Structures are given as C-alpha cells and as structure tokens.
N, C-alpha and C. Protein backbone atom coordinates (compact mmCIF):
# COMPACT_ATOMS: atom_id res chain seq x y z
N UNK A 1 -73.97 102.73 -3.97
CA UNK A 1 -72.69 102.77 -3.31
C UNK A 1 -71.69 103.57 -4.12
N UNK A 2 -71.80 103.49 -5.38
CA UNK A 2 -70.88 104.21 -6.25
C UNK A 2 -71.07 105.72 -6.10
N UNK A 3 -72.28 106.16 -5.94
CA UNK A 3 -72.56 107.59 -5.78
C UNK A 3 -71.95 108.09 -4.46
N UNK A 4 -72.10 107.33 -3.41
CA UNK A 4 -71.54 107.73 -2.12
C UNK A 4 -70.03 107.86 -2.20
N UNK A 5 -69.37 106.91 -2.84
CA UNK A 5 -67.92 106.96 -2.98
C UNK A 5 -67.51 108.17 -3.81
N UNK A 6 -68.27 108.45 -4.85
CA UNK A 6 -67.98 109.59 -5.71
C UNK A 6 -68.15 110.90 -4.94
N UNK A 7 -69.19 111.01 -4.14
CA UNK A 7 -69.42 112.21 -3.34
C UNK A 7 -68.32 112.38 -2.30
N UNK A 8 -67.94 111.25 -1.70
CA UNK A 8 -66.88 111.29 -0.70
C UNK A 8 -65.57 111.74 -1.33
N UNK A 9 -65.26 111.26 -2.52
CA UNK A 9 -64.03 111.64 -3.22
C UNK A 9 -64.06 113.13 -3.55
N UNK A 10 -65.20 113.64 -4.02
CA UNK A 10 -65.30 115.08 -4.33
C UNK A 10 -65.14 115.92 -3.06
N UNK A 11 -65.71 115.45 -1.95
CA UNK A 11 -65.59 116.19 -0.70
C UNK A 11 -64.13 116.24 -0.25
N UNK A 12 -63.43 115.11 -0.37
CA UNK A 12 -62.01 115.08 -0.01
C UNK A 12 -61.21 116.00 -0.93
N UNK A 13 -61.53 115.96 -2.21
CA UNK A 13 -60.84 116.82 -3.17
C UNK A 13 -61.05 118.29 -2.83
N UNK A 14 -62.30 118.66 -2.47
CA UNK A 14 -62.60 120.06 -2.10
C UNK A 14 -61.81 120.46 -0.85
N UNK A 15 -61.78 119.55 0.16
CA UNK A 15 -61.02 119.86 1.38
C UNK A 15 -59.53 120.00 1.07
N UNK A 16 -59.00 119.12 0.24
CA UNK A 16 -57.59 119.20 -0.15
C UNK A 16 -57.30 120.49 -0.89
N UNK A 17 -58.19 120.84 -1.81
CA UNK A 17 -58.02 122.08 -2.57
C UNK A 17 -58.10 123.28 -1.65
N UNK A 18 -59.04 123.26 -0.71
CA UNK A 18 -59.17 124.38 0.23
C UNK A 18 -57.92 124.48 1.09
N UNK A 19 -57.44 123.35 1.59
CA UNK A 19 -56.22 123.37 2.41
C UNK A 19 -55.03 123.88 1.61
N UNK A 20 -54.91 123.46 0.36
CA UNK A 20 -53.81 123.91 -0.49
C UNK A 20 -53.92 125.40 -0.76
N UNK A 21 -55.13 125.88 -0.98
CA UNK A 21 -55.34 127.30 -1.24
C UNK A 21 -54.98 128.13 -0.02
N UNK A 22 -55.41 127.69 1.16
CA UNK A 22 -55.09 128.40 2.40
C UNK A 22 -53.58 128.41 2.62
N UNK A 23 -52.92 127.27 2.39
CA UNK A 23 -51.47 127.19 2.56
C UNK A 23 -50.75 128.13 1.58
N UNK A 24 -51.20 128.15 0.34
CA UNK A 24 -50.58 129.02 -0.66
C UNK A 24 -50.78 130.49 -0.31
N UNK A 25 -51.98 130.83 0.14
CA UNK A 25 -52.26 132.22 0.52
C UNK A 25 -51.40 132.62 1.72
N UNK A 26 -51.25 131.70 2.67
CA UNK A 26 -50.41 131.98 3.83
C UNK A 26 -48.96 132.18 3.44
N UNK A 27 -48.46 131.33 2.56
CA UNK A 27 -47.08 131.45 2.10
C UNK A 27 -46.87 132.77 1.36
N UNK A 28 -47.84 133.15 0.55
CA UNK A 28 -47.75 134.40 -0.19
C UNK A 28 -47.74 135.58 0.77
N UNK A 29 -48.59 135.53 1.78
CA UNK A 29 -48.63 136.62 2.75
C UNK A 29 -47.33 136.71 3.52
N UNK A 30 -46.79 135.56 3.94
CA UNK A 30 -45.54 135.56 4.69
C UNK A 30 -44.36 136.00 3.85
N UNK A 31 -44.36 135.66 2.57
CA UNK A 31 -43.23 136.05 1.72
C UNK A 31 -43.14 137.56 1.61
N UNK A 32 -44.24 138.25 1.72
CA UNK A 32 -44.23 139.71 1.69
C UNK A 32 -43.57 140.30 2.93
N UNK A 33 -43.51 139.52 4.02
CA UNK A 33 -42.91 140.00 5.26
C UNK A 33 -41.42 139.73 5.33
N UNK A 34 -40.89 138.95 4.39
CA UNK A 34 -39.53 138.47 4.56
C UNK A 34 -38.47 139.37 3.95
N UNK A 35 -38.84 140.42 3.29
CA UNK A 35 -37.82 141.20 2.63
C UNK A 35 -37.83 142.66 3.02
N UNK A 36 -36.84 143.37 2.54
CA UNK A 36 -36.70 144.79 2.73
C UNK A 36 -36.92 145.42 1.37
N UNK A 37 -37.59 146.54 1.34
CA UNK A 37 -37.91 147.18 0.06
C UNK A 37 -36.64 147.49 -0.74
N UNK A 38 -35.52 147.70 -0.06
CA UNK A 38 -34.29 148.03 -0.77
C UNK A 38 -33.54 146.81 -1.29
N UNK A 39 -33.90 145.62 -0.82
CA UNK A 39 -33.26 144.40 -1.27
C UNK A 39 -34.30 143.48 -1.89
N UNK A 40 -33.95 142.85 -3.01
CA UNK A 40 -34.89 141.91 -3.62
C UNK A 40 -34.94 140.63 -2.78
N UNK A 41 -35.97 139.84 -2.97
CA UNK A 41 -36.18 138.64 -2.16
C UNK A 41 -35.03 137.65 -2.27
N UNK A 42 -34.32 137.62 -3.39
CA UNK A 42 -33.24 136.66 -3.58
C UNK A 42 -31.89 137.14 -3.08
N UNK A 43 -31.84 138.32 -2.45
CA UNK A 43 -30.58 138.89 -1.99
C UNK A 43 -30.53 138.85 -0.46
N UNK A 44 -29.51 138.20 0.09
CA UNK A 44 -29.34 138.12 1.53
C UNK A 44 -28.67 139.38 2.09
N UNK A 45 -27.71 139.90 1.33
CA UNK A 45 -26.99 141.09 1.78
C UNK A 45 -26.31 141.74 0.58
N UNK A 46 -25.97 143.01 0.77
CA UNK A 46 -25.19 143.75 -0.21
C UNK A 46 -24.04 144.40 0.53
N UNK A 47 -22.81 144.17 0.04
CA UNK A 47 -21.61 144.74 0.64
C UNK A 47 -20.94 145.59 -0.41
N UNK A 48 -20.94 146.90 -0.18
CA UNK A 48 -20.34 147.85 -1.12
C UNK A 48 -20.83 147.60 -2.55
N UNK A 49 -22.13 147.36 -2.69
CA UNK A 49 -22.74 147.16 -4.01
C UNK A 49 -22.68 145.75 -4.54
N UNK A 50 -21.96 144.86 -3.88
CA UNK A 50 -21.85 143.46 -4.32
C UNK A 50 -22.87 142.61 -3.56
N UNK A 51 -23.73 141.92 -4.34
CA UNK A 51 -24.81 141.13 -3.73
C UNK A 51 -24.33 139.74 -3.31
N UNK A 52 -24.88 139.29 -2.19
CA UNK A 52 -24.72 137.92 -1.72
C UNK A 52 -26.11 137.32 -1.78
N UNK A 53 -26.28 136.27 -2.57
CA UNK A 53 -27.61 135.72 -2.78
C UNK A 53 -28.05 134.83 -1.62
N UNK A 54 -29.37 134.74 -1.46
CA UNK A 54 -29.96 133.84 -0.47
C UNK A 54 -29.54 132.41 -0.79
N UNK A 55 -29.56 132.05 -2.06
CA UNK A 55 -29.18 130.69 -2.48
C UNK A 55 -27.75 130.37 -2.07
N UNK A 56 -26.84 131.33 -2.22
CA UNK A 56 -25.45 131.09 -1.82
C UNK A 56 -25.33 130.87 -0.31
N UNK A 57 -26.07 131.66 0.47
CA UNK A 57 -26.03 131.51 1.93
C UNK A 57 -26.56 130.14 2.32
N UNK A 58 -27.69 129.75 1.74
CA UNK A 58 -28.30 128.46 2.07
C UNK A 58 -27.41 127.30 1.64
N UNK A 59 -26.84 127.38 0.43
CA UNK A 59 -25.99 126.31 -0.07
C UNK A 59 -24.71 126.18 0.77
N UNK A 60 -24.08 127.31 1.07
CA UNK A 60 -22.85 127.27 1.87
C UNK A 60 -23.13 126.73 3.27
N UNK A 61 -24.24 127.14 3.88
CA UNK A 61 -24.60 126.66 5.22
C UNK A 61 -24.83 125.15 5.20
N UNK A 62 -25.60 124.68 4.22
CA UNK A 62 -25.90 123.25 4.14
C UNK A 62 -24.63 122.43 3.94
N UNK A 63 -23.76 122.86 3.05
CA UNK A 63 -22.53 122.11 2.81
C UNK A 63 -21.57 122.20 3.99
N UNK A 64 -21.45 123.38 4.57
CA UNK A 64 -20.55 123.56 5.71
C UNK A 64 -20.97 122.65 6.86
N UNK A 65 -22.28 122.52 7.05
CA UNK A 65 -22.78 121.72 8.17
C UNK A 65 -22.63 120.22 7.96
N UNK A 66 -22.13 119.80 6.80
CA UNK A 66 -21.79 118.39 6.61
C UNK A 66 -20.35 118.10 7.04
N UNK A 67 -19.57 119.15 7.25
CA UNK A 67 -18.18 118.99 7.69
C UNK A 67 -18.14 118.64 9.17
N UNK A 68 -17.09 117.97 9.62
CA UNK A 68 -16.99 117.60 11.03
C UNK A 68 -16.53 118.78 11.89
N UNK A 69 -17.34 119.85 11.89
CA UNK A 69 -17.05 121.05 12.67
C UNK A 69 -18.35 121.47 13.35
N UNK A 70 -18.26 122.49 14.20
CA UNK A 70 -19.46 123.01 14.85
C UNK A 70 -20.40 123.57 13.77
N UNK A 71 -21.68 123.19 13.80
CA UNK A 71 -22.62 123.67 12.77
C UNK A 71 -22.74 125.20 12.78
N UNK A 72 -23.04 125.74 11.62
CA UNK A 72 -23.22 127.18 11.46
C UNK A 72 -24.69 127.48 11.19
N UNK A 73 -25.14 128.62 11.65
CA UNK A 73 -26.47 129.10 11.31
C UNK A 73 -26.36 129.91 10.03
N UNK A 74 -27.48 130.24 9.42
CA UNK A 74 -27.43 131.08 8.22
C UNK A 74 -26.90 132.47 8.57
N UNK A 75 -27.15 132.95 9.78
CA UNK A 75 -26.60 134.25 10.20
C UNK A 75 -25.08 134.19 10.31
N UNK A 76 -24.56 133.08 10.84
CA UNK A 76 -23.10 132.89 10.92
C UNK A 76 -22.50 132.89 9.51
N UNK A 77 -23.12 132.10 8.63
CA UNK A 77 -22.62 131.99 7.26
C UNK A 77 -22.66 133.33 6.56
N UNK A 78 -23.77 134.05 6.69
CA UNK A 78 -23.89 135.35 6.05
C UNK A 78 -22.83 136.31 6.58
N UNK A 79 -22.59 136.30 7.87
CA UNK A 79 -21.54 137.16 8.44
C UNK A 79 -20.20 136.88 7.78
N UNK A 80 -19.86 135.60 7.66
CA UNK A 80 -18.57 135.23 7.06
C UNK A 80 -18.52 135.59 5.58
N UNK A 81 -19.63 135.43 4.86
CA UNK A 81 -19.65 135.82 3.44
C UNK A 81 -19.56 137.33 3.29
N UNK A 82 -20.14 138.07 4.21
CA UNK A 82 -20.03 139.54 4.19
C UNK A 82 -18.57 139.95 4.32
N UNK A 83 -17.84 139.26 5.18
CA UNK A 83 -16.43 139.58 5.38
C UNK A 83 -15.53 139.11 4.24
N UNK A 84 -16.06 138.36 3.30
CA UNK A 84 -15.25 137.78 2.22
C UNK A 84 -14.25 138.72 1.59
N UNK A 85 -14.72 139.72 0.87
CA UNK A 85 -13.82 140.65 0.17
C UNK A 85 -13.04 141.53 1.14
N UNK A 86 -13.68 141.93 2.25
CA UNK A 86 -13.01 142.77 3.24
C UNK A 86 -11.82 142.03 3.85
N UNK A 87 -12.04 140.76 4.19
CA UNK A 87 -10.96 139.95 4.79
C UNK A 87 -9.86 139.67 3.77
N UNK A 88 -10.26 139.41 2.52
CA UNK A 88 -9.26 139.13 1.49
C UNK A 88 -8.36 140.34 1.26
N UNK A 89 -8.96 141.52 1.21
CA UNK A 89 -8.18 142.75 1.02
C UNK A 89 -7.22 142.96 2.19
N UNK A 90 -7.72 142.84 3.41
CA UNK A 90 -6.87 143.03 4.59
C UNK A 90 -5.77 141.97 4.64
N UNK A 91 -6.09 140.75 4.22
CA UNK A 91 -5.14 139.63 4.22
C UNK A 91 -3.98 139.91 3.27
N UNK A 92 -4.30 140.33 2.06
CA UNK A 92 -3.24 140.59 1.07
C UNK A 92 -2.47 141.87 1.43
N UNK A 93 -3.16 142.86 1.99
CA UNK A 93 -2.46 144.08 2.42
C UNK A 93 -1.51 143.81 3.57
N UNK A 94 -1.79 142.76 4.35
CA UNK A 94 -0.90 142.38 5.45
C UNK A 94 0.31 141.60 4.93
N UNK A 95 0.37 141.39 3.61
CA UNK A 95 1.50 140.69 3.01
C UNK A 95 1.41 139.18 3.05
N UNK A 96 0.24 138.68 3.38
CA UNK A 96 0.05 137.22 3.44
C UNK A 96 -0.23 136.69 2.04
N UNK A 97 0.27 135.49 1.73
CA UNK A 97 0.11 134.95 0.37
C UNK A 97 -1.34 134.52 0.09
N UNK A 98 -1.77 134.65 -1.17
CA UNK A 98 -3.13 134.23 -1.52
C UNK A 98 -3.32 132.74 -1.24
N UNK A 99 -4.54 132.38 -0.88
CA UNK A 99 -4.87 130.98 -0.61
C UNK A 99 -5.52 130.42 -1.88
N UNK A 100 -4.86 129.47 -2.52
CA UNK A 100 -5.42 128.92 -3.77
C UNK A 100 -6.71 128.13 -3.53
N UNK A 101 -7.63 128.24 -4.48
CA UNK A 101 -8.89 127.50 -4.40
C UNK A 101 -8.63 126.00 -4.25
N UNK A 102 -7.61 125.49 -4.95
CA UNK A 102 -7.31 124.06 -4.89
C UNK A 102 -7.00 123.62 -3.46
N UNK A 103 -6.33 124.47 -2.69
CA UNK A 103 -6.01 124.15 -1.30
C UNK A 103 -7.29 124.11 -0.47
N UNK A 104 -8.17 125.08 -0.68
CA UNK A 104 -9.44 125.12 0.06
C UNK A 104 -10.30 123.91 -0.29
N UNK A 105 -10.37 123.59 -1.58
CA UNK A 105 -11.15 122.43 -2.03
C UNK A 105 -10.61 121.14 -1.42
N UNK A 106 -9.29 120.99 -1.37
CA UNK A 106 -8.68 119.79 -0.81
C UNK A 106 -9.03 119.64 0.68
N UNK A 107 -9.04 120.77 1.39
CA UNK A 107 -9.38 120.73 2.81
C UNK A 107 -10.84 120.30 2.99
N UNK A 108 -11.72 120.81 2.14
CA UNK A 108 -13.14 120.46 2.26
C UNK A 108 -13.38 119.01 1.86
N UNK A 109 -12.68 118.56 0.84
CA UNK A 109 -12.81 117.15 0.42
C UNK A 109 -12.34 116.21 1.53
N UNK A 110 -11.27 116.60 2.21
CA UNK A 110 -10.79 115.75 3.30
C UNK A 110 -11.80 115.71 4.45
N UNK A 111 -12.66 116.73 4.52
CA UNK A 111 -13.72 116.77 5.53
C UNK A 111 -14.99 116.07 5.08
N UNK A 112 -15.02 115.62 3.82
CA UNK A 112 -16.17 114.85 3.36
C UNK A 112 -17.05 115.51 2.31
N UNK A 113 -16.71 116.73 1.88
CA UNK A 113 -17.50 117.40 0.84
C UNK A 113 -16.84 117.12 -0.50
N UNK A 114 -17.44 116.24 -1.29
CA UNK A 114 -16.85 115.82 -2.57
C UNK A 114 -16.89 116.91 -3.63
N UNK A 115 -17.99 117.64 -3.69
CA UNK A 115 -18.18 118.69 -4.71
C UNK A 115 -18.47 120.02 -4.02
N UNK A 116 -17.45 120.68 -3.47
CA UNK A 116 -17.72 121.95 -2.79
C UNK A 116 -18.22 123.01 -3.78
N UNK A 117 -19.27 123.70 -3.40
CA UNK A 117 -19.83 124.76 -4.24
C UNK A 117 -18.95 126.00 -4.16
N UNK A 118 -19.16 126.90 -5.11
CA UNK A 118 -18.43 128.18 -5.09
C UNK A 118 -18.72 128.93 -3.80
N UNK A 119 -19.98 128.86 -3.33
CA UNK A 119 -20.34 129.59 -2.12
C UNK A 119 -19.62 129.00 -0.90
N UNK A 120 -19.44 127.67 -0.85
CA UNK A 120 -18.71 127.07 0.26
C UNK A 120 -17.23 127.43 0.18
N UNK A 121 -16.69 127.46 -1.02
CA UNK A 121 -15.29 127.86 -1.20
C UNK A 121 -15.10 129.30 -0.72
N UNK A 122 -16.04 130.19 -1.07
CA UNK A 122 -15.97 131.58 -0.62
C UNK A 122 -16.06 131.68 0.90
N UNK A 123 -16.93 130.87 1.49
CA UNK A 123 -17.07 130.85 2.94
C UNK A 123 -15.77 130.38 3.59
N UNK A 124 -15.22 129.32 3.08
CA UNK A 124 -14.00 128.76 3.65
C UNK A 124 -12.81 129.71 3.45
N UNK A 125 -12.79 130.41 2.31
CA UNK A 125 -11.73 131.40 2.05
C UNK A 125 -11.82 132.52 3.10
N UNK A 126 -13.03 132.96 3.38
CA UNK A 126 -13.24 134.01 4.37
C UNK A 126 -12.75 133.55 5.75
N UNK A 127 -13.09 132.32 6.12
CA UNK A 127 -12.65 131.77 7.41
C UNK A 127 -11.12 131.72 7.46
N UNK A 128 -10.51 131.26 6.37
CA UNK A 128 -9.04 131.16 6.30
C UNK A 128 -8.39 132.53 6.43
N UNK A 129 -8.93 133.53 5.74
CA UNK A 129 -8.38 134.88 5.83
C UNK A 129 -8.54 135.46 7.23
N UNK A 130 -9.72 135.28 7.81
CA UNK A 130 -9.95 135.81 9.16
C UNK A 130 -9.03 135.14 10.18
N UNK A 131 -8.84 133.83 10.04
CA UNK A 131 -7.92 133.14 10.94
C UNK A 131 -6.49 133.64 10.74
N UNK A 132 -6.09 133.86 9.49
CA UNK A 132 -4.76 134.37 9.19
C UNK A 132 -4.52 135.77 9.73
N UNK A 133 -5.59 136.55 9.78
CA UNK A 133 -5.50 137.92 10.30
C UNK A 133 -5.57 137.95 11.83
N UNK A 134 -6.03 136.85 12.41
CA UNK A 134 -6.18 136.81 13.86
C UNK A 134 -7.41 137.54 14.36
N UNK A 135 -8.36 137.76 13.49
CA UNK A 135 -9.59 138.44 13.91
C UNK A 135 -10.26 139.14 12.75
N UNK A 136 -11.17 140.03 13.09
CA UNK A 136 -11.95 140.72 12.07
C UNK A 136 -11.16 141.85 11.43
N UNK A 137 -11.30 142.02 10.12
CA UNK A 137 -10.63 143.14 9.46
C UNK A 137 -11.39 144.42 9.73
N UNK A 138 -10.72 145.56 9.52
CA UNK A 138 -11.47 146.81 9.67
C UNK A 138 -12.53 146.89 8.59
N UNK A 139 -13.77 147.06 8.97
CA UNK A 139 -14.86 147.12 8.00
C UNK A 139 -15.74 148.33 8.21
N UNK A 140 -15.23 149.29 8.98
CA UNK A 140 -16.03 150.46 9.32
C UNK A 140 -16.52 151.26 8.14
N UNK A 141 -15.77 151.28 7.05
CA UNK A 141 -16.16 152.08 5.91
C UNK A 141 -17.04 151.35 4.92
N UNK A 142 -17.29 150.07 5.15
CA UNK A 142 -18.08 149.28 4.19
C UNK A 142 -19.56 149.61 4.32
N UNK A 143 -20.23 149.65 3.18
CA UNK A 143 -21.68 149.85 3.15
C UNK A 143 -22.32 148.46 3.13
N UNK A 144 -22.90 148.07 4.26
CA UNK A 144 -23.45 146.73 4.40
C UNK A 144 -24.94 146.82 4.67
N UNK A 145 -25.72 146.15 3.81
CA UNK A 145 -27.17 146.05 3.99
C UNK A 145 -27.52 144.58 4.10
N UNK A 146 -28.36 144.23 5.07
CA UNK A 146 -28.76 142.85 5.29
C UNK A 146 -30.26 142.73 5.14
N UNK A 147 -30.69 141.70 4.42
CA UNK A 147 -32.10 141.40 4.29
C UNK A 147 -32.64 141.08 5.69
N UNK A 148 -33.73 141.73 6.12
CA UNK A 148 -34.27 141.49 7.46
C UNK A 148 -34.60 140.01 7.73
N UNK A 149 -34.79 139.24 6.68
CA UNK A 149 -35.04 137.80 6.85
C UNK A 149 -33.91 137.14 7.63
N UNK A 150 -32.69 137.68 7.49
CA UNK A 150 -31.52 137.11 8.16
C UNK A 150 -31.18 137.84 9.44
N UNK A 151 -31.77 139.00 9.68
CA UNK A 151 -31.48 139.79 10.86
C UNK A 151 -31.03 141.18 10.47
N UNK A 152 -30.11 141.72 11.25
CA UNK A 152 -29.59 143.05 10.95
C UNK A 152 -28.09 143.05 11.18
N UNK A 153 -27.41 143.99 10.52
CA UNK A 153 -25.96 144.10 10.66
C UNK A 153 -25.66 144.94 11.89
N UNK A 154 -24.89 144.40 12.80
CA UNK A 154 -24.44 145.11 13.99
C UNK A 154 -22.97 145.47 13.74
N UNK A 155 -22.73 146.72 13.35
CA UNK A 155 -21.39 147.16 13.00
C UNK A 155 -20.44 147.08 14.19
N UNK A 156 -20.96 147.35 15.38
CA UNK A 156 -20.12 147.31 16.57
C UNK A 156 -19.65 145.89 16.87
N UNK A 157 -20.57 144.92 16.77
CA UNK A 157 -20.22 143.53 17.01
C UNK A 157 -19.56 142.90 15.79
N UNK A 158 -19.77 143.50 14.62
CA UNK A 158 -19.20 142.98 13.39
C UNK A 158 -19.84 141.69 12.93
N UNK A 159 -21.17 141.60 13.08
CA UNK A 159 -21.85 140.38 12.68
C UNK A 159 -23.33 140.62 12.41
N UNK A 160 -23.92 139.64 11.74
CA UNK A 160 -25.36 139.65 11.52
C UNK A 160 -26.01 139.13 12.80
N UNK A 161 -26.94 139.89 13.31
CA UNK A 161 -27.68 139.49 14.51
C UNK A 161 -29.06 139.02 14.06
N UNK A 162 -29.31 137.73 14.24
CA UNK A 162 -30.61 137.17 13.86
C UNK A 162 -31.68 137.73 14.79
N UNK A 163 -32.82 138.05 14.21
CA UNK A 163 -33.93 138.59 14.99
C UNK A 163 -35.19 137.81 14.67
N UNK A 164 -35.92 137.47 15.72
CA UNK A 164 -37.20 136.81 15.51
C UNK A 164 -38.21 137.86 15.02
N UNK A 165 -38.98 137.52 13.99
CA UNK A 165 -40.00 138.47 13.52
C UNK A 165 -40.97 138.82 14.64
N UNK A 166 -41.52 140.04 14.60
CA UNK A 166 -42.40 140.49 15.68
C UNK A 166 -43.70 139.69 15.77
N UNK A 167 -44.02 138.92 14.74
CA UNK A 167 -45.25 138.13 14.80
C UNK A 167 -45.04 136.79 15.49
N UNK A 168 -43.79 136.47 15.86
CA UNK A 168 -43.51 135.25 16.63
C UNK A 168 -43.54 135.63 18.10
N UNK A 169 -44.36 134.94 18.87
CA UNK A 169 -44.52 135.24 20.27
C UNK A 169 -43.66 134.31 21.10
N UNK A 170 -42.94 134.89 22.06
CA UNK A 170 -42.13 134.09 22.99
C UNK A 170 -43.10 133.44 23.97
N UNK A 171 -43.13 132.12 23.97
CA UNK A 171 -44.10 131.40 24.80
C UNK A 171 -43.90 131.67 26.28
N UNK A 172 -42.68 131.97 26.71
CA UNK A 172 -42.45 132.24 28.13
C UNK A 172 -43.13 133.54 28.54
N UNK A 173 -43.26 134.50 27.61
CA UNK A 173 -43.97 135.74 27.91
C UNK A 173 -45.46 135.50 28.02
N UNK A 174 -46.00 134.60 27.23
CA UNK A 174 -47.43 134.31 27.24
C UNK A 174 -47.82 133.59 28.52
N UNK A 175 -46.96 132.70 29.00
CA UNK A 175 -47.28 131.91 30.18
C UNK A 175 -47.18 132.69 31.47
N UNK A 176 -46.44 133.79 31.49
CA UNK A 176 -46.25 134.56 32.73
C UNK A 176 -47.35 135.53 32.96
C-alpha cells in the first residue's frame, strides 16, 4: 500500500509540475505580446520624454476605484495621467492658483483613502486641473507614446483607446 501511495504522489507531483511549466511558458509567451519595442514592459506611456509607469497606472486605478465615484478603467487612468503636466501647464497659464497636495490628500481621505499614493495624487491633480479648465488642454504638440497593452493614443479624441488584442476572438462573430 505504501508503494501505491508513493507512486500516486509522484504522479500528482509530475502533473502539477507539468501544469506549472505549461502555465509559466504561456505567461512568458504572452508577456512578449504585451509591449511595444519602443517602450519597456514597465512603461505604460511616455509624454514628451517623461515616463508613466505601469505600476503607477495600476496603483492609481486601484485606489481611485475605492472612492465613492464612478470606477475608472486603466485606460481612463492612463489618459488622465497623460494629461497631468499638460493640464497643469495650461491651468497655471490660465492664471489659476496651484492646487496644494494637502488639499488633494484631504479630499481623498474624506472619500475613504487613508494613504493616497503619489500616483493617485497625480491622477486627482490632473482631474482637478481639467475640471478647472473646463475641458481638455491643448495637447497637439505633445509627443505621446502608449504601450499597446493599454491601447493606443487617439489624438483627435484626446484619450487612450483600449483595444482588444487580435488573438482574442469576439464570440458573437464565431456564433454567426
């Protein structure tokens, strides 16, 4: 009986190892599809040479979505972070007073975020500037590159447009 249990345990271990290997190989293959050769894997976008990290986008989105407001997608968050410096410049050029970080932090704390991250503060600053301007600042001259993982920059619409990878099949097309 002991031999049978031992063989069974080895067989389970081999299956687990095989499954883990297949999963790791799949993840490795997919990670190669998620980036653009001009942007490193950890960069979500570059605006006039200034990088916005994937970690900042993810952190700001996660924290923002804990606030009692309409949830944001990572594409929404990235769009607002892209506008960060552009909106701040247009805001100050319009003669509007700077918005202190302490004010932004207090607003987020009142919404339930006890420890707002720098990325959430930057996101909220961008929202505040855009609201103060009454819309999008002129950004036509900005050099904006977006990691394809998040979509593409639509200069006309002034936002990141999320795109499904070509390897994802729309089930409605398959059924028709």
